[in-house]
Structure formats: C-alpha cells, structure tokens
C-alpha atoms as a PDB file:
ATOM      1  CA  UNK A   1     -13.998 -16.086   0.580  1.00  0.00           C
ATOM      2  CA  UNK A   2     -13.944 -19.517  -0.975  1.00  0.00           C
ATOM      3  CA  UNK A   3     -10.805 -21.631  -1.090  1.00  0.00           C
ATOM      4  CA  UNK A   4      -9.963 -24.147  -3.798  1.00  0.00           C
ATOM      5  CA  UNK A   5      -7.228 -26.698  -4.400  1.00  0.00           C
ATOM      6  CA  UNK A   6      -4.997 -27.110  -7.456  1.00  0.00           C
ATOM      7  CA  UNK A   7      -7.860 -28.796  -9.367  1.00  0.00           C
ATOM      8  CA  UNK A   8     -10.256 -25.967  -8.505  1.00  0.00           C
ATOM      9  CA  UNK A   9     -12.250 -28.005  -5.989  1.00  0.00           C
ATOM     10  CA  UNK A  10     -13.566 -26.325  -2.835  1.00  0.00           C
ATOM     11  CA  UNK A  11     -11.398 -27.101   0.209  1.00  0.00           C
ATOM     12  CA  UNK A  12     -10.994 -26.014   3.808  1.00  0.00           C
ATOM     13  CA  UNK A  13      -7.770 -27.953   4.373  1.00  0.00           C
ATOM     14  CA  UNK A  14      -5.025 -25.369   4.764  1.00  0.00           C
ATOM     15  CA  UNK A  15      -2.320 -27.449   3.075  1.00  0.00           C
ATOM     16  CA  UNK A  16      -4.488 -27.942  -0.030  1.00  0.00           C
ATOM     17  CA  UNK A  17      -5.470 -24.306  -0.571  1.00  0.00           C
ATOM     18  CA  UNK A  18      -4.037 -22.876  -3.787  1.00  0.00           C
ATOM     19  CA  UNK A  19      -6.611 -20.261  -4.742  1.00  0.00           C
ATOM     20  CA  UNK A  20      -8.876 -17.891  -2.861  1.00  0.00           C
ATOM     21  CA  UNK A  21     -11.946 -16.433  -4.481  1.00  0.00           C
ATOM     22  CA  UNK A  22     -13.036 -13.199  -2.858  1.00  0.00           C
ATOM     23  CA  UNK A  23     -16.826 -13.351  -2.709  1.00  0.00           C
ATOM     24  CA  UNK A  24     -17.138  -9.574  -2.569  1.00  0.00           C
ATOM     25  CA  UNK A  25     -15.531  -9.085  -6.004  1.00  0.00           C
ATOM     26  CA  UNK A  26     -15.459 -12.670  -7.394  1.00  0.00           C
ATOM     27  CA  UNK A  27     -11.716 -12.099  -7.938  1.00  0.00           C
ATOM     28  CA  UNK A  28      -9.529 -15.219  -7.782  1.00  0.00           C
ATOM     29  CA  UNK A  29      -6.038 -14.829  -6.291  1.00  0.00           C
ATOM     30  CA  UNK A  30      -3.274 -17.183  -5.215  1.00  0.00           C
ATOM     31  CA  UNK A  31      -3.517 -18.108  -1.523  1.00  0.00           C
ATOM     32  CA  UNK A  32      -0.114 -16.560  -0.782  1.00  0.00           C
ATOM     33  CA  UNK A  33      -1.318 -13.250  -2.219  1.00  0.00           C
ATOM     34  CA  UNK A  34      -4.669 -13.503  -0.456  1.00  0.00           C
ATOM     35  CA  UNK A  35      -3.064 -13.844   2.988  1.00  0.00           C
ATOM     36  CA  UNK A  36      -1.111 -10.623   2.542  1.00  0.00           C
ATOM     37  CA  UNK A  37      -1.341  -6.908   3.219  1.00  0.00           C
ATOM     38  CA  UNK A  38      -2.993  -6.489  -0.177  1.00  0.00           C
ATOM     39  CA  UNK A  39      -6.036  -8.517   0.798  1.00  0.00           C
ATOM     40  CA  UNK A  40      -6.934 -10.387   3.996  1.00  0.00           C
ATOM     41  CA  UNK A  41      -4.402  -9.036   6.501  1.00  0.00           C
ATOM     42  CA  UNK A  42      -4.461  -5.658   4.818  1.00  0.00           C
ATOM     43  CA  UNK A  43      -8.170  -5.349   5.537  1.00  0.00           C
ATOM     44  CA  UNK A  44      -7.447  -5.771   9.231  1.00  0.00           C
ATOM     45  CA  UNK A  45      -4.805  -3.050   8.992  1.00  0.00           C
ATOM     46  CA  UNK A  46      -7.200  -0.785   7.096  1.00  0.00           C
ATOM     47  CA  UNK A  47      -9.908  -1.304   9.754  1.00  0.00           C
ATOM     48  CA  UNK A  48      -7.854  -0.882  12.938  1.00  0.00           C
ATOM     49  CA  UNK A  49      -8.185   2.873  13.451  1.00  0.00           C
ATOM     50  CA  UNK A  50     -11.810   2.875  12.316  1.00  0.00           C
ATOM     51  CA  UNK A  51     -12.680   0.114  14.810  1.00  0.00           C
ATOM     52  CA  UNK A  52     -10.901   1.919  17.659  1.00  0.00           C
ATOM     53  CA  UNK A  53     -12.967   5.033  16.934  1.00  0.00           C
ATOM     54  CA  UNK A  54     -16.222   3.146  16.246  1.00  0.00           C
ATOM     55  CA  UNK A  55     -16.057   1.125  19.466  1.00  0.00           C
ATOM     56  CA  UNK A  56     -14.395   3.900  21.495  1.00  0.00           C
ATOM     57  CA  UNK A  57     -11.560   1.596  22.519  1.00  0.00           C
ATOM     58  CA  UNK A  58      -9.092   3.039  25.028  1.00  0.00           C
ATOM     59  CA  UNK A  59      -5.655   3.912  23.722  1.00  0.00           C
ATOM     60  CA  UNK A  60      -4.037   3.993  27.148  1.00  0.00           C
ATOM     61  CA  UNK A  61      -3.564   0.695  28.933  1.00  0.00           C
ATOM     62  CA  UNK A  62      -2.149  -0.206  32.307  1.00  0.00           C
ATOM     63  CA  UNK A  63       1.177  -1.999  31.853  1.00  0.00           C
ATOM     64  CA  UNK A  64       1.011  -3.377  35.390  1.00  0.00           C
ATOM     65  CA  UNK A  65      -1.323  -6.228  34.596  1.00  0.00           C
ATOM     66  CA  UNK A  66      -1.242  -9.740  35.912  1.00  0.00           C
ATOM     67  CA  UNK A  67      -0.871 -12.622  33.486  1.00  0.00           C
ATOM     68  CA  UNK A  68      -4.301 -14.278  33.279  1.00  0.00           C
ATOM     69  CA  UNK A  69      -2.661 -17.494  32.079  1.00  0.00           C
ATOM     70  CA  UNK A  70      -2.036 -16.727  28.415  1.00  0.00           C
ATOM     71  CA  UNK A  71       1.172 -18.561  27.557  1.00  0.00           C
ATOM     72  CA  UNK A  72       1.629 -16.820  24.164  1.00  0.00           C
ATOM     73  CA  UNK A  73       2.286 -13.455  25.827  1.00  0.00           C
ATOM     74  CA  UNK A  74       5.356 -12.639  27.888  1.00  0.00           C
ATOM     75  CA  UNK A  75       3.845 -10.208  30.350  1.00  0.00           C
ATOM     76  CA  UNK A  76       7.212  -8.823  31.398  1.00  0.00           C
ATOM     77  CA  UNK A  77       7.349  -7.365  27.849  1.00  0.00           C
ATOM     78  CA  UNK A  78       3.814  -5.943  27.921  1.00  0.00           C
ATOM     79  CA  UNK A  79       4.914  -2.305  27.646  1.00  0.00           C
ATOM     80  CA  UNK A  80       6.874  -3.153  24.482  1.00  0.00           C
ATOM     81  CA  UNK A  81       3.895  -5.041  23.075  1.00  0.00           C
ATOM     82  CA  UNK A  82       1.552  -2.118  23.757  1.00  0.00           C
ATOM     83  CA  UNK A  83       4.035   0.268  22.134  1.00  0.00           C
ATOM     84  CA  UNK A  84       4.210  -1.955  19.050  1.00  0.00           C
ATOM     85  CA  UNK A  85       0.413  -2.030  18.822  1.00  0.00           C
ATOM     86  CA  UNK A  86       0.422   1.752  18.272  1.00  0.00           C
ATOM     87  CA  UNK A  87       1.838   1.140  14.796  1.00  0.00           C
ATOM     88  CA  UNK A  88      -1.459  -0.531  13.882  1.00  0.00           C
ATOM     89  CA  UNK A  89      -3.208   2.813  14.324  1.00  0.00           C
ATOM     90  CA  UNK A  90      -1.209   4.686  11.689  1.00  0.00           C
ATOM     91  CA  UNK A  91      -3.807   3.997   9.002  1.00  0.00           C
ATOM     92  CA  UNK A  92      -6.454   6.739   8.718  1.00  0.00           C
ATOM     93  CA  UNK A  93     -10.016   5.688   9.612  1.00  0.00           C
ATOM     94  CA  UNK A  94     -11.133   6.360   6.017  1.00  0.00           C
ATOM     95  CA  UNK A  95      -9.027   3.375   4.898  1.00  0.00           C
ATOM     96  CA  UNK A  96     -11.844   1.147   6.214  1.00  0.00           C
ATOM     97  CA  UNK A  97     -14.028   2.496   3.393  1.00  0.00           C
ATOM     98  CA  UNK A  98     -11.972   0.530   0.851  1.00  0.00           C
ATOM     99  CA  UNK A  99     -11.718  -3.087   2.005  1.00  0.00           C
ATOM    100  CA  UNK A 100     -10.436  -5.730  -0.398  1.00  0.00           C
ATOM    101  CA  UNK A 101     -12.024  -8.810   1.172  1.00  0.00           C
ATOM    102  CA  UNK A 102     -14.441  -8.019   3.955  1.00  0.00           C
ATOM    103  CA  UNK A 103     -17.802  -6.337   3.889  1.00  0.00           C
ATOM    104  CA  UNK A 104     -17.616  -3.940   6.831  1.00  0.00           C
ATOM    105  CA  UNK A 105     -21.334  -4.110   7.634  1.00  0.00           C
ATOM    106  CA  UNK A 106     -21.285  -7.924   7.696  1.00  0.00           C
ATOM    107  CA  UNK A 107     -18.154  -7.889   9.834  1.00  0.00           C
ATOM    108  CA  UNK A 108     -19.747  -5.491  12.322  1.00  0.00           C
ATOM    109  CA  UNK A 109     -22.812  -7.720  12.481  1.00  0.00           C
ATOM    110  CA  UNK A 110     -20.540 -10.689  13.202  1.00  0.00           C
ATOM    111  CA  UNK A 111     -18.685  -8.777  15.936  1.00  0.00           C
ATOM    112  CA  UNK A 112     -22.020  -7.787  17.459  1.00  0.00           C
ATOM    113  CA  UNK A 113     -23.321 -11.355  17.400  1.00  0.00           C
ATOM    114  CA  UNK A 114     -20.109 -12.855  18.765  1.00  0.00           C
ATOM    115  CA  UNK A 115     -20.111 -10.346  21.629  1.00  0.00           C
ATOM    116  CA  UNK A 116     -23.320 -11.990  22.807  1.00  0.00           C
ATOM    117  CA  UNK A 117     -22.203 -14.505  25.471  1.00  0.00           C
ATOM    118  CA  UNK A 118     -24.584 -17.188  24.173  1.00  0.00           C
ATOM    119  CA  UNK A 119     -23.224 -16.865  20.639  1.00  0.00           C
ATOM    120  CA  UNK A 120     -19.625 -16.760  21.872  1.00  0.00           C
ATOM    121  CA  UNK A 121     -20.164 -20.017  23.720  1.00  0.00           C
ATOM    122  CA  UNK A 122     -21.343 -21.655  20.462  1.00  0.00           C
ATOM    123  CA  UNK A 123     -18.124 -20.613  18.695  1.00  0.00           C
ATOM    124  CA  UNK A 124     -15.881 -21.733  21.557  1.00  0.00           C
ATOM    125  CA  UNK A 125     -17.641 -25.069  21.965  1.00  0.00           C
END
C-alpha cells in the first residue's frame, strides 16, 4: 500500500494520510475505508482460519499462565480473552483466497523471514 496526503503526496505520517493506494489492484480508497473490514483489517480476518491450519496452531490454550510482563493484557481475564479469540476463526479457510490488500505469498514470505531470530532482531532494533 502507498499512503498519500490531501495533495496526493506520498506520506507515512499517520495524521496526514487521506488516501491509500492498494498496490495489488492500484485501487485508491479513503484511509478510513482502507483501515476497515473491507480492506486491511478484513484481510486479517479472512486469513485467520487459513493461518491456523497452515501453521498448525493449537486451538486449546492453558488459561493458567503467568503474566510475562505484558501490561496491555489483564491475565486474570485470560479465559475470556481466549474465548473471544474463537470468534476470529469463524471465517472459512477459503476466505484467504480472496484478499483485498495483501498478497498471501508475500505475507507468508515475510512471516517466514521475521521468524528468523536474526531478522526479528533487525525489526525490533
């Protein structure tokens, strides 16, 4: 994706973004529409079940886990959080065949590269 401001100039500053051009289709949409279930966030929803199957992710998790220091998660509510996450698996895996923004192959390549500890360190640093 490529973001532009009100004058059509390329920008990465969140407050200046007015338009998003989807590189996959060259379609230009308003930023508010882009960051919606129709496009960006919708692609994540469409990929969830497919990714769980592709990476053989476990669907059962231990609710008796110790907080590793993540302040954004209230670990006393972890069973509720895990229950809520099940709703993200309602989409059939075939939905990942029709992504609006992402190229699934490129995304998988990115996931593979970022899973490499050396590459992950580059992103974190």
